[in-house]
C-alpha atoms as a PDB file:
ATOM      1  CA  MET A   1     -36.317 -13.249  30.980  1.00  0.00           C
ATOM      2  CA  LEU A   2     -33.039 -11.676  32.166  1.00  0.00           C
ATOM      3  CA  ASP A   3     -33.128  -9.073  34.917  1.00  0.00           C
ATOM      4  CA  HIS A   4     -29.411  -8.323  35.028  1.00  0.00           C
ATOM      5  CA  LEU A   5     -25.988  -9.685  34.135  1.00  0.00           C
ATOM      6  CA  ALA A   6     -22.720  -9.238  36.046  1.00  0.00           C
ATOM      7  CA  LEU A   7     -19.241  -9.382  34.531  1.00  0.00           C
ATOM      8  CA  GLN A   8     -16.061  -9.761  36.544  1.00  0.00           C
ATOM      9  CA  VAL A   9     -13.351  -7.569  35.039  1.00  0.00           C
ATOM     10  CA  ARG A  10      -9.591  -7.461  35.575  1.00  0.00           C
ATOM     11  CA  ASP A  11      -9.246  -3.670  35.297  1.00  0.00           C
ATOM     12  CA  MET A  12     -12.238  -1.628  36.473  1.00  0.00           C
ATOM     13  CA  ALA A  13     -10.864   1.638  35.063  1.00  0.00           C
ATOM     14  CA  ALA A  14     -10.294   0.204  31.581  1.00  0.00           C
ATOM     15  CA  SER A  15     -13.608  -1.640  31.553  1.00  0.00           C
ATOM     16  CA  THR A  16     -15.707   1.288  32.803  1.00  0.00           C
ATOM     17  CA  ALA A  17     -14.045   3.592  30.252  1.00  0.00           C
ATOM     18  CA  PHE A  18     -14.898   1.094  27.490  1.00  0.00           C
ATOM     19  CA  TYR A  19     -18.531   0.585  28.545  1.00  0.00           C
ATOM     20  CA  ASP A  20     -19.013   4.323  29.188  1.00  0.00           C
ATOM     21  CA  ALA A  21     -17.947   4.956  25.577  1.00  0.00           C
ATOM     22  CA  VAL A  22     -19.759   2.170  23.735  1.00  0.00           C
ATOM     23  CA  LEU A  23     -23.054   2.248  25.640  1.00  0.00           C
ATOM     24  CA  ALA A  24     -23.577   6.010  25.256  1.00  0.00           C
ATOM     25  CA  PRO A  25     -24.589   5.740  21.551  1.00  0.00           C
ATOM     26  CA  LEU A  26     -27.189   3.131  22.585  1.00  0.00           C
ATOM     27  CA  GLY A  27     -28.686   5.403  25.247  1.00  0.00           C
ATOM     28  CA  GLY A  28     -26.996   3.548  28.107  1.00  0.00           C
ATOM     29  CA  GLY A  29     -24.743   4.677  30.890  1.00  0.00           C
ATOM     30  CA  ARG A  30     -23.844   4.321  34.544  1.00  0.00           C
ATOM     31  CA  LYS A  31     -26.973   4.122  36.675  1.00  0.00           C
ATOM     32  CA  LYS A  32     -25.835   2.860  40.065  1.00  0.00           C
ATOM     33  CA  GLN A  33     -22.777   2.084  42.153  1.00  0.00           C
ATOM     34  CA  PHE A  34     -22.779  -0.502  44.922  1.00  0.00           C
ATOM     35  CA  GLY A  35     -19.407  -0.789  46.619  1.00  0.00           C
ATOM     36  CA  GLN A  36     -16.870  -1.336  43.823  1.00  0.00           C
ATOM     37  CA  ASN A  37     -19.563  -2.556  41.406  1.00  0.00           C
ATOM     38  CA  ILE A  38     -20.918  -0.287  38.661  1.00  0.00           C
ATOM     39  CA  GLY A  39     -24.401  -0.804  37.176  1.00  0.00           C
ATOM     40  CA  TYR A  40     -25.205   0.223  33.585  1.00  0.00           C
ATOM     41  CA  GLY A  41     -28.496   0.505  31.776  1.00  0.00           C
ATOM     42  CA  THR A  42     -30.914   2.712  29.913  1.00  0.00           C
ATOM     43  CA  THR A  43     -33.526   2.974  32.646  1.00  0.00           C
ATOM     44  CA  GLY A  44     -32.437   0.407  35.230  1.00  0.00           C
ATOM     45  CA  HIS A  45     -29.095  -1.303  35.752  1.00  0.00           C
ATOM     46  CA  ALA A  46     -29.119  -4.497  33.726  1.00  0.00           C
ATOM     47  CA  LEU A  47     -25.332  -4.808  33.321  1.00  0.00           C
ATOM     48  CA  TRP A  48     -22.993  -4.823  36.309  1.00  0.00           C
ATOM     49  CA  LEU A  49     -19.197  -4.677  36.292  1.00  0.00           C
ATOM     50  CA  GLY A  50     -17.235  -5.801  39.327  1.00  0.00           C
ATOM     51  CA  PRO A  51     -13.586  -6.537  40.035  1.00  0.00           C
ATOM     52  CA  ALA A  52     -12.478 -10.122  39.416  1.00  0.00           C
ATOM     53  CA  ASP A  53     -11.015 -11.903  42.407  1.00  0.00           C
ATOM     54  CA  GLY A  54      -8.405 -13.665  40.292  1.00  0.00           C
ATOM     55  CA  SER A  55      -9.202 -17.129  41.640  1.00  0.00           C
ATOM     56  CA  ALA A  56     -10.683 -18.481  38.401  1.00  0.00           C
ATOM     57  CA  PRO A  57      -9.580 -18.133  34.789  1.00  0.00           C
ATOM     58  CA  ALA A  58     -11.615 -15.747  32.668  1.00  0.00           C
ATOM     59  CA  ARG A  59     -13.892 -17.240  30.021  1.00  0.00           C
ATOM     60  CA  GLU A  60     -15.121 -15.397  26.962  1.00  0.00           C
ATOM     61  CA  LEU A  61     -18.713 -14.215  27.079  1.00  0.00           C
ATOM     62  CA  HIS A  62     -20.855 -13.008  24.181  1.00  0.00           C
ATOM     63  CA  LEU A  63     -22.969  -9.998  25.106  1.00  0.00           C
ATOM     64  CA  ALA A  64     -25.332  -8.308  22.622  1.00  0.00           C
ATOM     65  CA  PHE A  65     -26.871  -4.881  23.171  1.00  0.00           C
ATOM     66  CA  ALA A  66     -30.036  -3.784  21.362  1.00  0.00           C
ATOM     67  CA  ALA A  67     -29.704  -0.695  19.196  1.00  0.00           C
ATOM     68  CA  ALA A  68     -32.701   1.421  18.203  1.00  0.00           C
ATOM     69  CA  ASP A  69     -31.499   1.779  14.620  1.00  0.00           C
ATOM     70  CA  ARG A  70     -28.556   1.106  12.332  1.00  0.00           C
ATOM     71  CA  ALA A  71     -27.076   4.542  13.030  1.00  0.00           C
ATOM     72  CA  ALA A  72     -26.772   3.551  16.696  1.00  0.00           C
ATOM     73  CA  VAL A  73     -24.922   0.357  15.683  1.00  0.00           C
ATOM     74  CA  ASP A  74     -22.549   2.478  13.599  1.00  0.00           C
ATOM     75  CA  ALA A  75     -22.065   4.916  16.515  1.00  0.00           C
ATOM     76  CA  PHE A  76     -21.349   2.009  18.900  1.00  0.00           C
ATOM     77  CA  HIS A  77     -18.725   0.762  16.430  1.00  0.00           C
ATOM     78  CA  ALA A  78     -17.154   4.236  16.128  1.00  0.00           C
ATOM     79  CA  ALA A  79     -17.009   4.550  19.931  1.00  0.00           C
ATOM     80  CA  ALA A  80     -15.376   1.114  20.189  1.00  0.00           C
ATOM     81  CA  VAL A  81     -12.771   2.070  17.569  1.00  0.00           C
ATOM     82  CA  ALA A  82     -12.067   5.325  19.427  1.00  0.00           C
ATOM     83  CA  ALA A  83     -11.721   3.355  22.675  1.00  0.00           C
ATOM     84  CA  GLY A  84      -9.098   1.109  21.051  1.00  0.00           C
ATOM     85  CA  ALA A  85     -11.217  -2.042  21.001  1.00  0.00           C
ATOM     86  CA  GLU A  86     -10.321  -4.974  18.793  1.00  0.00           C
ATOM     87  CA  ILE A  87     -12.906  -5.053  16.013  1.00  0.00           C
ATOM     88  CA  LEU A  88     -14.154  -8.558  15.288  1.00  0.00           C
ATOM     89  CA  HIS A  89     -16.681  -7.553  12.611  1.00  0.00           C
ATOM     90  CA  ALA A  90     -17.479  -4.094  11.275  1.00  0.00           C
ATOM     91  CA  PRO A  91     -21.155  -3.125  11.048  1.00  0.00           C
ATOM     92  CA  ARG A  92     -23.006  -5.013   8.335  1.00  0.00           C
ATOM     93  CA  LEU A  93     -26.083  -7.051   7.572  1.00  0.00           C
ATOM     94  CA  TRP A  94     -26.023 -10.658   8.753  1.00  0.00           C
ATOM     95  CA  PRO A  95     -28.674 -12.304   6.517  1.00  0.00           C
ATOM     96  CA  GLU A  96     -27.748 -15.752   7.856  1.00  0.00           C
ATOM     97  CA  TYR A  97     -29.412 -14.648  11.141  1.00  0.00           C
ATOM     98  CA  HIS A  98     -32.349 -12.891   9.450  1.00  0.00           C
ATOM     99  CA  ALA A  99     -32.840 -10.404   6.619  1.00  0.00           C
ATOM    100  CA  ALA A 100     -32.763  -7.227   8.749  1.00  0.00           C
ATOM    101  CA  TYR A 101     -30.072  -8.283  11.298  1.00  0.00           C
ATOM    102  CA  TYR A 102     -27.518  -5.436  11.347  1.00  0.00           C
ATOM    103  CA  GLY A 103     -24.688  -5.751  13.837  1.00  0.00           C
ATOM    104  CA  THR A 104     -21.098  -5.133  14.813  1.00  0.00           C
ATOM    105  CA  PHE A 105     -18.857  -7.198  17.101  1.00  0.00           C
ATOM    106  CA  VAL A 106     -15.898  -5.971  19.205  1.00  0.00           C
ATOM    107  CA  ARG A 107     -13.769  -7.192  22.118  1.00  0.00           C
ATOM    108  CA  ASP A 108     -13.980  -5.482  25.492  1.00  0.00           C
ATOM    109  CA  PRO A 109     -10.852  -5.050  27.672  1.00  0.00           C
ATOM    110  CA  ASP A 110     -11.361  -8.560  29.123  1.00  0.00           C
ATOM    111  CA  GLY A 111     -11.670 -10.251  25.730  1.00  0.00           C
ATOM    112  CA  ASN A 112     -15.439 -10.633  25.721  1.00  0.00           C
ATOM    113  CA  ASN A 113     -17.287 -10.556  22.403  1.00  0.00           C
ATOM    114  CA  VAL A 114     -19.559  -7.508  22.655  1.00  0.00           C
ATOM    115  CA  GLU A 115     -22.155  -6.799  19.968  1.00  0.00           C
ATOM    116  CA  ALA A 116     -24.560  -4.012  19.092  1.00  0.00           C
ATOM    117  CA  VAL A 117     -27.467  -5.165  16.951  1.00  0.00           C
ATOM    118  CA  CYS A 118     -30.514  -3.657  15.286  1.00  0.00           C
ATOM    119  CA  HIS A 119     -33.292  -5.962  14.056  1.00  0.00           C
ATOM    120  CA  GLN A 120     -35.138  -3.255  12.076  1.00  0.00           C
ATOM    121  CA  PRO A 121     -34.775  -2.739   8.310  1.00  0.00           C
END
């Protein structure tokens, strides 16, 4: 259903460094630049980062990225730790979601709740 999602960020350098690091283990990276906006994806550019204009207060967003396997979730988590992200939940099974739900949750530089999840056993 979604084609793309855009996030306004306070610090483009900090945010692009974070997303460069955590999306690499999931096969994602920078795919396009349009003005000051950076597009990320695996094949296209489904996630866009752009500078916030400062006119509205930031609100937390939850963003979940699909991981091919549990090792990719673990690698995402390791990249987030190395990038200095606040860890909300270390990688683990979340059986309350479903039996094979394996995910980790971190905060990006703007305070968003960013997850990597694998639905495979």
